[in-house]
PDB file of N, CA and C in Angstrom:
ATOM      1  N   UNK A   1      84.871 -42.833 -24.042  1.00  0.00           N
ATOM      2  CA  UNK A   1      84.775 -43.136 -22.623  1.00  0.00           C
ATOM      3  C   UNK A   1      85.762 -42.273 -21.816  1.00  0.00           C
ATOM      4  N   UNK A   2      86.980 -42.151 -22.315  1.00  0.00           N
ATOM      5  CA  UNK A   2      87.993 -41.369 -21.631  1.00  0.00           C
ATOM      6  C   UNK A   2      87.586 -39.890 -21.574  1.00  0.00           C
ATOM      7  N   UNK A   3      86.995 -39.407 -22.660  1.00  0.00           N
ATOM      8  CA  UNK A   3      86.551 -38.017 -22.717  1.00  0.00           C
ATOM      9  C   UNK A   3      85.457 -37.765 -21.687  1.00  0.00           C
ATOM     10  N   UNK A   4      84.512 -38.691 -21.560  1.00  0.00           N
ATOM     11  CA  UNK A   4      83.430 -38.561 -20.571  1.00  0.00           C
ATOM     12  C   UNK A   4      83.981 -38.564 -19.158  1.00  0.00           C
ATOM     13  N   UNK A   5      84.967 -39.413 -18.904  1.00  0.00           N
ATOM     14  CA  UNK A   5      85.574 -39.493 -17.584  1.00  0.00           C
ATOM     15  C   UNK A   5      86.273 -38.174 -17.237  1.00  0.00           C
ATOM     16  N   UNK A   6      86.967 -37.570 -18.207  1.00  0.00           N
ATOM     17  CA  UNK A   6      87.627 -36.287 -17.975  1.00  0.00           C
ATOM     18  C   UNK A   6      86.607 -35.178 -17.716  1.00  0.00           C
ATOM     19  N   UNK A   7      85.527 -35.179 -18.466  1.00  0.00           N
ATOM     20  CA  UNK A   7      84.475 -34.179 -18.255  1.00  0.00           C
ATOM     21  C   UNK A   7      83.874 -34.338 -16.869  1.00  0.00           C
ATOM     22  N   UNK A   8      83.577 -35.577 -16.480  1.00  0.00           N
ATOM     23  CA  UNK A   8      83.005 -35.849 -15.161  1.00  0.00           C
ATOM     24  C   UNK A   8      83.957 -35.392 -14.056  1.00  0.00           C
ATOM     25  N   UNK A   9      85.262 -35.703 -14.208  1.00  0.00           N
ATOM     26  CA  UNK A   9      86.251 -35.312 -13.205  1.00  0.00           C
ATOM     27  C   UNK A   9      86.346 -33.789 -13.115  1.00  0.00           C
ATOM     28  N   UNK A  10      86.291 -33.118 -14.250  1.00  0.00           N
ATOM     29  CA  UNK A  10      86.335 -31.655 -14.252  1.00  0.00           C
ATOM     30  C   UNK A  10      85.138 -31.044 -13.557  1.00  0.00           C
ATOM     31  N   UNK A  11      83.955 -31.569 -13.846  1.00  0.00           N
ATOM     32  CA  UNK A  11      82.739 -31.059 -13.206  1.00  0.00           C
ATOM     33  C   UNK A  11      82.762 -31.319 -11.707  1.00  0.00           C
ATOM     34  N   UNK A  12      83.235 -32.497 -11.320  1.00  0.00           N
ATOM     35  CA  UNK A  12      83.314 -32.834  -9.900  1.00  0.00           C
ATOM     36  C   UNK A  12      84.267 -31.894  -9.173  1.00  0.00           C
ATOM     37  N   UNK A  13      85.411 -31.622  -9.755  1.00  0.00           N
ATOM     38  CA  UNK A  13      86.372 -30.732  -9.096  1.00  0.00           C
ATOM     39  C   UNK A  13      85.836 -29.308  -9.008  1.00  0.00           C
ATOM     40  N   UNK A  14      85.100 -28.850 -10.046  1.00  0.00           N
ATOM     41  CA  UNK A  14      84.501 -27.516  -9.988  1.00  0.00           C
ATOM     42  C   UNK A  14      83.441 -27.453  -8.902  1.00  0.00           C
ATOM     43  N   UNK A  15      82.643 -28.496  -8.768  1.00  0.00           N
ATOM     44  CA  UNK A  15      81.602 -28.539  -7.742  1.00  0.00           C
ATOM     45  C   UNK A  15      82.217 -28.476  -6.348  1.00  0.00           C
ATOM     46  N   UNK A  16      83.276 -29.236  -6.144  1.00  0.00           N
ATOM     47  CA  UNK A  16      83.942 -29.236  -4.836  1.00  0.00           C
ATOM     48  C   UNK A  16      84.551 -27.869  -4.556  1.00  0.00           C
ATOM     49  N   UNK A  17      85.172 -27.262  -5.556  1.00  0.00           N
ATOM     50  CA  UNK A  17      85.783 -25.948  -5.371  1.00  0.00           C
ATOM     51  C   UNK A  17      84.732 -24.897  -5.033  1.00  0.00           C
ATOM     52  N   UNK A  18      83.595 -24.942  -5.710  1.00  0.00           N
ATOM     53  CA  UNK A  18      82.527 -23.975  -5.450  1.00  0.00           C
ATOM     54  C   UNK A  18      81.965 -24.175  -4.055  1.00  0.00           C
ATOM     55  N   UNK A  19      81.747 -25.424  -3.645  1.00  0.00           N
ATOM     56  CA  UNK A  19      81.177 -25.663  -2.310  1.00  0.00           C
ATOM     57  C   UNK A  19      82.154 -25.261  -1.217  1.00  0.00           C
ATOM     58  N   UNK A  20      83.454 -25.480  -1.442  1.00  0.00           N
ATOM     59  CA  UNK A  20      84.441 -25.059  -0.446  1.00  0.00           C
ATOM     60  C   UNK A  20      84.524 -23.538  -0.388  1.00  0.00           C
ATOM     61  N   UNK A  21      84.416 -22.894  -1.546  1.00  0.00           N
ATOM     62  CA  UNK A  21      84.440 -21.431  -1.588  1.00  0.00           C
ATOM     63  C   UNK A  21      83.223 -20.859  -0.876  1.00  0.00           C
ATOM     64  N   UNK A  22      82.059 -21.492  -1.042  1.00  0.00           N
ATOM     65  CA  UNK A  22      80.838 -21.016  -0.384  1.00  0.00           C
ATOM     66  C   UNK A  22      80.906 -21.238   1.113  1.00  0.00           C
ATOM     67  N   UNK A  23      81.577 -22.284   1.559  1.00  0.00           N
ATOM     68  CA  UNK A  23      81.665 -22.579   2.989  1.00  0.00           C
ATOM     69  C   UNK A  23      82.658 -21.660   3.692  1.00  0.00           C
ATOM     70  N   UNK A  24      83.665 -21.176   2.985  1.00  0.00           N
ATOM     71  CA  UNK A  24      84.698 -20.343   3.611  1.00  0.00           C
ATOM     72  C   UNK A  24      84.132 -19.085   4.245  1.00  0.00           C
ATOM     73  N   UNK A  25      83.265 -18.299   3.578  1.00  0.00           N
ATOM     74  CA  UNK A  25      82.717 -17.115   4.241  1.00  0.00           C
ATOM     75  C   UNK A  25      81.908 -17.465   5.481  1.00  0.00           C
ATOM     76  N   UNK A  26      81.206 -18.601   5.451  1.00  0.00           N
ATOM     77  CA  UNK A  26      80.421 -19.026   6.604  1.00  0.00           C
ATOM     78  C   UNK A  26      81.338 -19.264   7.793  1.00  0.00           C
ATOM     79  N   UNK A  27      82.464 -19.963   7.569  1.00  0.00           N
ATOM     80  CA  UNK A  27      83.394 -20.223   8.656  1.00  0.00           C
ATOM     81  C   UNK A  27      83.992 -18.921   9.163  1.00  0.00           C
ATOM     82  N   UNK A  28      84.370 -18.028   8.245  1.00  0.00           N
ATOM     83  CA  UNK A  28      84.954 -16.763   8.641  1.00  0.00           C
ATOM     84  C   UNK A  28      83.940 -15.943   9.433  1.00  0.00           C
ATOM     85  N   UNK A  29      82.679 -15.987   9.029  1.00  0.00           N
ATOM     86  CA  UNK A  29      81.640 -15.262   9.738  1.00  0.00           C
ATOM     87  C   UNK A  29      81.519 -15.775  11.160  1.00  0.00           C
ATOM     88  N   UNK A  30      81.551 -17.074  11.338  1.00  0.00           N
ATOM     89  CA  UNK A  30      81.431 -17.661  12.671  1.00  0.00           C
ATOM     90  C   UNK A  30      82.608 -17.245  13.544  1.00  0.00           C
ATOM     91  N   UNK A  31      83.820 -17.239  12.974  1.00  0.00           N
ATOM     92  CA  UNK A  31      84.999 -16.887  13.742  1.00  0.00           C
ATOM     93  C   UNK A  31      84.974 -15.434  14.180  1.00  0.00           C
ATOM     94  N   UNK A  32      84.431 -14.567  13.372  1.00  0.00           N
ATOM     95  CA  UNK A  32      84.462 -13.149  13.660  1.00  0.00           C
ATOM     96  C   UNK A  32      83.347 -12.715  14.606  1.00  0.00           C
ATOM     97  N   UNK A  33      82.436 -13.582  14.961  1.00  0.00           N
ATOM     98  CA  UNK A  33      81.364 -13.229  15.867  1.00  0.00           C
ATOM     99  C   UNK A  33      80.187 -12.565  15.184  1.00  0.00           C
ATOM    100  N   UNK A  34      80.202 -12.477  13.877  1.00  0.00           N
ATOM    101  CA  UNK A  34      79.106 -11.854  13.144  1.00  0.00           C
ATOM    102  C   UNK A  34      77.884 -12.762  13.154  1.00  0.00           C
ATOM    103  N   UNK A  35      78.092 -14.058  13.348  1.00  0.00           N
ATOM    104  CA  UNK A  35      76.971 -14.996  13.367  1.00  0.00           C
ATOM    105  C   UNK A  35      75.975 -14.610  14.452  1.00  0.00           C
ATOM    106  N   UNK A  36      76.460 -14.112  15.569  1.00  0.00           N
ATOM    107  CA  UNK A  36      75.567 -13.684  16.645  1.00  0.00           C
ATOM    108  C   UNK A  36      74.691 -12.527  16.185  1.00  0.00           C
ATOM    109  N   UNK A  37      75.263 -11.591  15.451  1.00  0.00           N
ATOM    110  CA  UNK A  37      74.497 -10.453  14.947  1.00  0.00           C
ATOM    111  C   UNK A  37      73.459 -10.915  13.941  1.00  0.00           C
ATOM    112  N   UNK A  38      73.825 -11.858  13.071  1.00  0.00           N
ATOM    113  CA  UNK A  38      72.892 -12.380  12.085  1.00  0.00           C
ATOM    114  C   UNK A  38      71.740 -13.084  12.783  1.00  0.00           C
ATOM    115  N   UNK A  39      72.024 -13.858  13.837  1.00  0.00           N
ATOM    116  CA  UNK A  39      70.969 -14.526  14.595  1.00  0.00           C
ATOM    117  C   UNK A  39      70.024 -13.509  15.200  1.00  0.00           C
ATOM    118  N   UNK A  40      70.569 -12.436  15.760  1.00  0.00           N
ATOM    119  CA  UNK A  40      69.726 -11.408  16.371  1.00  0.00           C
ATOM    120  C   UNK A  40      68.803 -10.786  15.334  1.00  0.00           C
ATOM    121  N   UNK A  41      69.321 -10.533  14.138  1.00  0.00           N
ATOM    122  CA  UNK A  41      68.509  -9.893  13.110  1.00  0.00           C
ATOM    123  C   UNK A  41      67.424 -10.818  12.588  1.00  0.00           C
ATOM    124  N   UNK A  42      67.614 -12.127  12.699  1.00  0.00           N
ATOM    125  CA  UNK A  42      66.580 -13.068  12.292  1.00  0.00           C
ATOM    126  C   UNK A  42      65.395 -13.006  13.250  1.00  0.00           C
ATOM    127  N   UNK A  43      65.628 -12.582  14.485  1.00  0.00           N
ATOM    128  CA  UNK A  43      64.570 -12.553  15.490  1.00  0.00           C
ATOM    129  C   UNK A  43      63.803 -11.236  15.479  1.00  0.00           C
ATOM    130  N   UNK A  44      64.236 -10.262  14.702  1.00  0.00           N
ATOM    131  CA  UNK A  44      63.542  -8.978  14.629  1.00  0.00           C
ATOM    132  C   UNK A  44      62.269  -9.154  13.820  1.00  0.00           C
ATOM    133  N   UNK A  45      61.163  -8.618  14.339  1.00  0.00           N
ATOM    134  CA  UNK A  45      59.921  -8.668  13.565  1.00  0.00           C
ATOM    135  C   UNK A  45      59.290  -7.276  13.525  1.00  0.00           C
ATOM    136  N   UNK A  46      58.687  -6.987  12.383  1.00  0.00           N
ATOM    137  CA  UNK A  46      57.983  -5.731  12.163  1.00  0.00           C
ATOM    138  C   UNK A  46      56.567  -6.061  11.734  1.00  0.00           C
ATOM    139  N   UNK A  47      55.588  -5.441  12.368  1.00  0.00           N
ATOM    140  CA  UNK A  47      54.203  -5.598  11.916  1.00  0.00           C
ATOM    141  C   UNK A  47      53.546  -4.226  11.937  1.00  0.00           C
ATOM    142  N   UNK A  48      52.655  -4.017  10.972  1.00  0.00           N
ATOM    143  CA  UNK A  48      52.024  -2.705  10.815  1.00  0.00           C
ATOM    144  C   UNK A  48      50.517  -2.858  10.869  1.00  0.00           C
ATOM    145  N   UNK A  49      49.869  -1.994  11.636  1.00  0.00           N
ATOM    146  CA  UNK A  49      48.407  -1.932  11.692  1.00  0.00           C
ATOM    147  C   UNK A  49      48.032  -0.456  11.657  1.00  0.00           C
ATOM    148  N   UNK A  50      47.460  -0.039  10.543  1.00  0.00           N
ATOM    149  CA  UNK A  50      47.163   1.384  10.369  1.00  0.00           C
ATOM    150  C   UNK A  50      48.451   2.148  10.235  1.00  0.00           C
ATOM    151  N   UNK A  51      48.694   3.104  11.158  1.00  0.00           N
ATOM    152  CA  UNK A  51      49.959   3.837  11.136  1.00  0.00           C
ATOM    153  C   UNK A  51      50.836   3.482  12.339  1.00  0.00           C
ATOM    154  N   UNK A  52      50.540   2.341  12.979  1.00  0.00           N
ATOM    155  CA  UNK A  52      51.309   1.898  14.140  1.00  0.00           C
ATOM    156  C   UNK A  52      52.172   0.699  13.747  1.00  0.00           C
ATOM    157  N   UNK A  53      53.462   0.797  14.072  1.00  0.00           N
ATOM    158  CA  UNK A  53      54.407  -0.277  13.794  1.00  0.00           C
ATOM    159  C   UNK A  53      54.771  -0.937  15.111  1.00  0.00           C
ATOM    160  N   UNK A  54      54.696  -2.263  15.156  1.00  0.00           N
ATOM    161  CA  UNK A  54      55.126  -3.036  16.316  1.00  0.00           C
ATOM    162  C   UNK A  54      56.488  -3.634  15.970  1.00  0.00           C
ATOM    163  N   UNK A  55      57.529  -3.262  16.728  1.00  0.00           N
ATOM    164  CA  UNK A  55      58.882  -3.761  16.500  1.00  0.00           C
ATOM    165  C   UNK A  55      59.280  -4.614  17.692  1.00  0.00           C
ATOM    166  N   UNK A  56      59.705  -5.845  17.430  1.00  0.00           N
ATOM    167  CA  UNK A  56      60.168  -6.714  18.517  1.00  0.00           C
ATOM    168  C   UNK A  56      61.561  -7.228  18.198  1.00  0.00           C
ATOM    169  N   UNK A  57      62.348  -7.393  19.253  1.00  0.00           N
ATOM    170  CA  UNK A  57      63.682  -7.960  19.104  1.00  0.00           C
ATOM    171  C   UNK A  57      64.718  -7.012  18.543  1.00  0.00           C
ATOM    172  N   UNK A  58      64.540  -5.716  18.701  1.00  0.00           N
ATOM    173  CA  UNK A  58      65.483  -4.757  18.114  1.00  0.00           C
ATOM    174  C   UNK A  58      65.935  -3.705  19.117  1.00  0.00           C
ATOM    175  N   UNK A  59      66.016  -4.058  20.385  1.00  0.00           N
ATOM    176  CA  UNK A  59      66.407  -3.101  21.414  1.00  0.00           C
ATOM    177  C   UNK A  59      67.762  -2.470  21.076  1.00  0.00           C
ATOM    178  N   UNK A  60      67.831  -1.150  21.181  1.00  0.00           N
ATOM    179  CA  UNK A  60      69.071  -0.432  20.920  1.00  0.00           C
ATOM    180  C   UNK A  60      69.308  -0.111  19.456  1.00  0.00           C
ATOM    181  N   UNK A  61      68.413  -0.530  18.588  1.00  0.00           N
ATOM    182  CA  UNK A  61      68.578  -0.270  17.161  1.00  0.00           C
ATOM    183  C   UNK A  61      67.708   0.919  16.750  1.00  0.00           C
ATOM    184  N   UNK A  62      67.763   1.266  15.470  1.00  0.00           N
ATOM    185  CA  UNK A  62      67.005   2.399  14.948  1.00  0.00           C
ATOM    186  C   UNK A  62      66.089   1.906  13.834  1.00  0.00           C
ATOM    187  N   UNK A  63      64.820   2.326  13.886  1.00  0.00           N
ATOM    188  CA  UNK A  63      63.857   2.069  12.816  1.00  0.00           C
ATOM    189  C   UNK A  63      63.937   3.237  11.850  1.00  0.00           C
ATOM    190  N   UNK A  64      64.217   2.932  10.587  1.00  0.00           N
ATOM    191  CA  UNK A  64      64.253   3.968   9.557  1.00  0.00           C
ATOM    192  C   UNK A  64      63.013   3.827   8.686  1.00  0.00           C
ATOM    193  N   UNK A  65      62.373   4.939   8.396  1.00  0.00           N
ATOM    194  CA  UNK A  65      61.232   4.976   7.483  1.00  0.00           C
ATOM    195  C   UNK A  65      61.703   5.714   6.238  1.00  0.00           C
ATOM    196  N   UNK A  66      61.648   5.014   5.091  1.00  0.00           N
ATOM    197  CA  UNK A  66      62.168   5.559   3.838  1.00  0.00           C
ATOM    198  C   UNK A  66      61.045   5.553   2.809  1.00  0.00           C
ATOM    199  N   UNK A  67      60.923   6.644   2.057  1.00  0.00           N
ATOM    200  CA  UNK A  67      59.911   6.700   1.000  1.00  0.00           C
ATOM    201  C   UNK A  67      60.356   5.811  -0.156  1.00  0.00           C
ATOM    202  N   UNK A  68      59.449   5.524  -1.073  1.00  0.00           N
ATOM    203  CA  UNK A  68      59.789   4.685  -2.214  1.00  0.00           C
ATOM    204  C   UNK A  68      60.758   5.377  -3.167  1.00  0.00           C
ATOM    205  N   UNK A  69      60.917   6.676  -3.018  1.00  0.00           N
ATOM    206  CA  UNK A  69      61.902   7.399  -3.831  1.00  0.00           C
ATOM    207  C   UNK A  69      63.290   7.356  -3.204  1.00  0.00           C
ATOM    208  N   UNK A  70      63.391   6.780  -1.997  1.00  0.00           N
ATOM    209  CA  UNK A  70      64.680   6.631  -1.332  1.00  0.00           C
ATOM    210  C   UNK A  70      64.998   7.707  -0.318  1.00  0.00           C
ATOM    211  N   UNK A  71      64.084   8.622  -0.094  1.00  0.00           N
ATOM    212  CA  UNK A  71      64.307   9.705   0.871  1.00  0.00           C
ATOM    213  C   UNK A  71      63.944   9.227   2.271  1.00  0.00           C
ATOM    214  N   UNK A  72      64.847   9.447   3.229  1.00  0.00           N
ATOM    215  CA  UNK A  72      64.556   9.065   4.608  1.00  0.00           C
ATOM    216  C   UNK A  72      63.518  10.019   5.173  1.00  0.00           C
ATOM    217  N   UNK A  73      62.392   9.459   5.633  1.00  0.00           N
ATOM    218  CA  UNK A  73      61.276  10.262   6.119  1.00  0.00           C
ATOM    219  C   UNK A  73      61.338  10.447   7.631  1.00  0.00           C
ATOM    220  N   UNK A  74      61.737   9.383   8.347  1.00  0.00           N
ATOM    221  CA  UNK A  74      61.768   9.457   9.814  1.00  0.00           C
ATOM    222  C   UNK A  74      62.685   8.374  10.361  1.00  0.00           C
ATOM    223  N   UNK A  75      63.164   8.589  11.590  1.00  0.00           N
ATOM    224  CA  UNK A  75      63.918   7.572  12.322  1.00  0.00           C
ATOM    225  C   UNK A  75      63.393   7.522  13.750  1.00  0.00           C
ATOM    226  N   UNK A  76      63.388   6.324  14.308  1.00  0.00           N
ATOM    227  CA  UNK A  76      62.902   6.126  15.676  1.00  0.00           C
ATOM    228  C   UNK A  76      63.862   5.192  16.397  1.00  0.00           C
ATOM    229  N   UNK A  77      64.281   5.562  17.594  1.00  0.00           N
ATOM    230  CA  UNK A  77      65.150   4.721  18.421  1.00  0.00           C
ATOM    231  C   UNK A  77      64.292   3.668  19.103  1.00  0.00           C
ATOM    232  N   UNK A  78      64.715   2.414  19.032  1.00  0.00           N
ATOM    233  CA  UNK A  78      63.996   1.316  19.677  1.00  0.00           C
ATOM    234  C   UNK A  78      64.601   1.126  21.066  1.00  0.00           C
ATOM    235  N   UNK A  79      63.811   1.395  22.114  1.00  0.00           N
ATOM    236  CA  UNK A  79      64.311   1.363  23.483  1.00  0.00           C
ATOM    237  C   UNK A  79      63.918   0.120  24.266  1.00  0.00           C
ATOM    238  N   UNK A  80      62.983  -0.671  23.754  1.00  0.00           N
ATOM    239  CA  UNK A  80      62.520  -1.829  24.515  1.00  0.00           C
ATOM    240  C   UNK A  80      62.415  -3.055  23.602  1.00  0.00           C
ATOM    241  N   UNK A  81      62.316  -4.246  24.195  1.00  0.00           N
ATOM    242  CA  UNK A  81      62.235  -5.473  23.389  1.00  0.00           C
ATOM    243  C   UNK A  81      61.009  -5.518  22.478  1.00  0.00           C
ATOM    244  N   UNK A  82      59.911  -4.922  22.908  1.00  0.00           N
ATOM    245  CA  UNK A  82      58.696  -4.846  22.088  1.00  0.00           C
ATOM    246  C   UNK A  82      58.189  -3.415  22.168  1.00  0.00           C
ATOM    247  N   UNK A  83      58.250  -2.719  21.079  1.00  0.00           N
ATOM    248  CA  UNK A  83      57.886  -1.295  21.093  1.00  0.00           C
ATOM    249  C   UNK A  83      56.888  -0.985  19.991  1.00  0.00           C
ATOM    250  N   UNK A  84      55.854  -0.201  20.356  1.00  0.00           N
ATOM    251  CA  UNK A  84      54.870   0.285  19.386  1.00  0.00           C
ATOM    252  C   UNK A  84      55.236   1.715  19.030  1.00  0.00           C
ATOM    253  N   UNK A  85      55.280   1.978  17.742  1.00  0.00           N
ATOM    254  CA  UNK A  85      55.644   3.318  17.271  1.00  0.00           C
ATOM    255  C   UNK A  85      54.537   3.819  16.360  1.00  0.00           C
ATOM    256  N   UNK A  86      53.985   4.976  16.704  1.00  0.00           N
ATOM    257  CA  UNK A  86      52.978   5.590  15.850  1.00  0.00           C
ATOM    258  C   UNK A  86      53.708   6.470  14.842  1.00  0.00           C
ATOM    259  N   UNK A  87      53.605   6.094  13.573  1.00  0.00           N
ATOM    260  CA  UNK A  87      54.296   6.837  12.524  1.00  0.00           C
ATOM    261  C   UNK A  87      53.535   8.113  12.200  1.00  0.00           C
ATOM    262  N   UNK A  88      54.259   9.196  12.143  1.00  0.00           N
ATOM    263  CA  UNK A  88      53.639  10.472  11.780  1.00  0.00           C
ATOM    264  C   UNK A  88      54.044  10.808  10.342  1.00  0.00           C
ATOM    265  N   UNK A  89      53.574   9.966   9.427  1.00  0.00           N
ATOM    266  CA  UNK A  89      53.871  10.144   8.001  1.00  0.00           C
ATOM    267  C   UNK A  89      52.551  10.098   7.233  1.00  0.00           C
ATOM    268  N   UNK A  90      52.501  10.730   6.067  1.00  0.00           N
ATOM    269  CA  UNK A  90      51.272  10.665   5.256  1.00  0.00           C
ATOM    270  C   UNK A  90      50.983   9.225   4.802  1.00  0.00           C
ATOM    271  N   UNK A  91      49.734   8.967   4.449  1.00  0.00           N
ATOM    272  CA  UNK A  91      49.359   7.660   3.925  1.00  0.00           C
ATOM    273  C   UNK A  91      50.183   7.360   2.685  1.00  0.00           C
ATOM    274  N   UNK A  92      50.526   6.082   2.512  1.00  0.00           N
ATOM    275  CA  UNK A  92      51.295   5.695   1.336  1.00  0.00           C
ATOM    276  C   UNK A  92      52.159   4.480   1.601  1.00  0.00           C
ATOM    277  N   UNK A  93      53.021   4.169   0.659  1.00  0.00           N
ATOM    278  CA  UNK A  93      53.929   3.024   0.752  1.00  0.00           C
ATOM    279  C   UNK A  93      55.301   3.498   1.226  1.00  0.00           C
ATOM    280  N   UNK A  94      55.876   2.748   2.132  1.00  0.00           N
ATOM    281  CA  UNK A  94      57.180   3.085   2.701  1.00  0.00           C
ATOM    282  C   UNK A  94      58.005   1.821   2.856  1.00  0.00           C
ATOM    283  N   UNK A  95      59.293   2.020   3.058  1.00  0.00           N
ATOM    284  CA  UNK A  95      60.204   0.923   3.373  1.00  0.00           C
ATOM    285  C   UNK A  95      60.654   1.130   4.813  1.00  0.00           C
ATOM    286  N   UNK A  96      60.488   0.097   5.639  1.00  0.00           N
ATOM    287  CA  UNK A  96      60.927   0.137   7.028  1.00  0.00           C
ATOM    288  C   UNK A  96      62.198  -0.693   7.146  1.00  0.00           C
ATOM    289  N   UNK A  97      63.212  -0.132   7.819  1.00  0.00           N
ATOM    290  CA  UNK A  97      64.485  -0.826   7.974  1.00  0.00           C
ATOM    291  C   UNK A  97      64.900  -0.805   9.433  1.00  0.00           C
ATOM    292  N   UNK A  98      65.235  -1.995   9.958  1.00  0.00           N
ATOM    293  CA  UNK A  98      65.833  -2.127  11.282  1.00  0.00           C
ATOM    294  C   UNK A  98      67.015  -3.065  11.103  1.00  0.00           C
ATOM    295  N   UNK A  99      68.226  -2.565  11.262  1.00  0.00           N
ATOM    296  CA  UNK A  99      69.402  -3.383  10.988  1.00  0.00           C
ATOM    297  C   UNK A  99      69.386  -3.800   9.531  1.00  0.00           C
ATOM    298  N   UNK A 100      69.423  -5.114   9.287  1.00  0.00           N
ATOM    299  CA  UNK A 100      69.370  -5.615   7.921  1.00  0.00           C
ATOM    300  C   UNK A 100      67.968  -6.119   7.553  1.00  0.00           C
ATOM    301  N   UNK A 101      67.011  -5.952   8.448  1.00  0.00           N
ATOM    302  CA  UNK A 101      65.627  -6.359   8.187  1.00  0.00           C
ATOM    303  C   UNK A 101      64.932  -5.220   7.461  1.00  0.00           C
ATOM    304  N   UNK A 102      64.372  -5.526   6.309  1.00  0.00           N
ATOM    305  CA  UNK A 102      63.729  -4.509   5.479  1.00  0.00           C
ATOM    306  C   UNK A 102      62.328  -5.000   5.090  1.00  0.00           C
ATOM    307  N   UNK A 103      61.307  -4.133   5.225  1.00  0.00           N
ATOM    308  CA  UNK A 103      59.951  -4.485   4.853  1.00  0.00           C
ATOM    309  C   UNK A 103      59.323  -3.334   4.085  1.00  0.00           C
ATOM    310  N   UNK A 104      58.585  -3.656   3.048  1.00  0.00           N
ATOM    311  CA  UNK A 104      57.797  -2.662   2.318  1.00  0.00           C
ATOM    312  C   UNK A 104      56.394  -2.718   2.920  1.00  0.00           C
ATOM    313  N   UNK A 105      55.876  -1.565   3.338  1.00  0.00           N
ATOM    314  CA  UNK A 105      54.572  -1.519   4.003  1.00  0.00           C
ATOM    315  C   UNK A 105      53.717  -0.407   3.418  1.00  0.00           C
ATOM    316  N   UNK A 106      52.423  -0.535   3.638  1.00  0.00           N
ATOM    317  CA  UNK A 106      51.476   0.496   3.250  1.00  0.00           C
ATOM    318  C   UNK A 106      50.858   1.076   4.515  1.00  0.00           C
ATOM    319  N   UNK A 107      50.940   2.379   4.665  1.00  0.00           N
ATOM    320  CA  UNK A 107      50.352   3.076   5.814  1.00  0.00           C
ATOM    321  C   UNK A 107      48.989   3.606   5.395  1.00  0.00           C
ATOM    322  N   UNK A 108      47.958   3.239   6.147  1.00  0.00           N
ATOM    323  CA  UNK A 108      46.578   3.655   5.829  1.00  0.00           C
ATOM    324  C   UNK A 108      46.149   4.818   6.689  1.00  0.00           C
TER     325      UNK A 108
END
């Protein structure tokens, strides 16, 4: 019984330590103002139709088009809250990046 109680107490203290450790970066993020940037990036949306990309919520940011081999193919400055960009890239699969938002897309 005593051994079980010690094991339980040890597991409980580890759980509390892990949860406090996980909460610390969240608090630090909020204090540093990074939470606002994270919220903004959650509102960014990318949609693709043919070779046209619709980007919303990314004013002032840059859209990067990267090949699957990791080579940067193109960059586009986002100047408005909702912007349509016609990609001038060959048909194929690409990775689109705006801030921390990343999408794998197929251009037809």
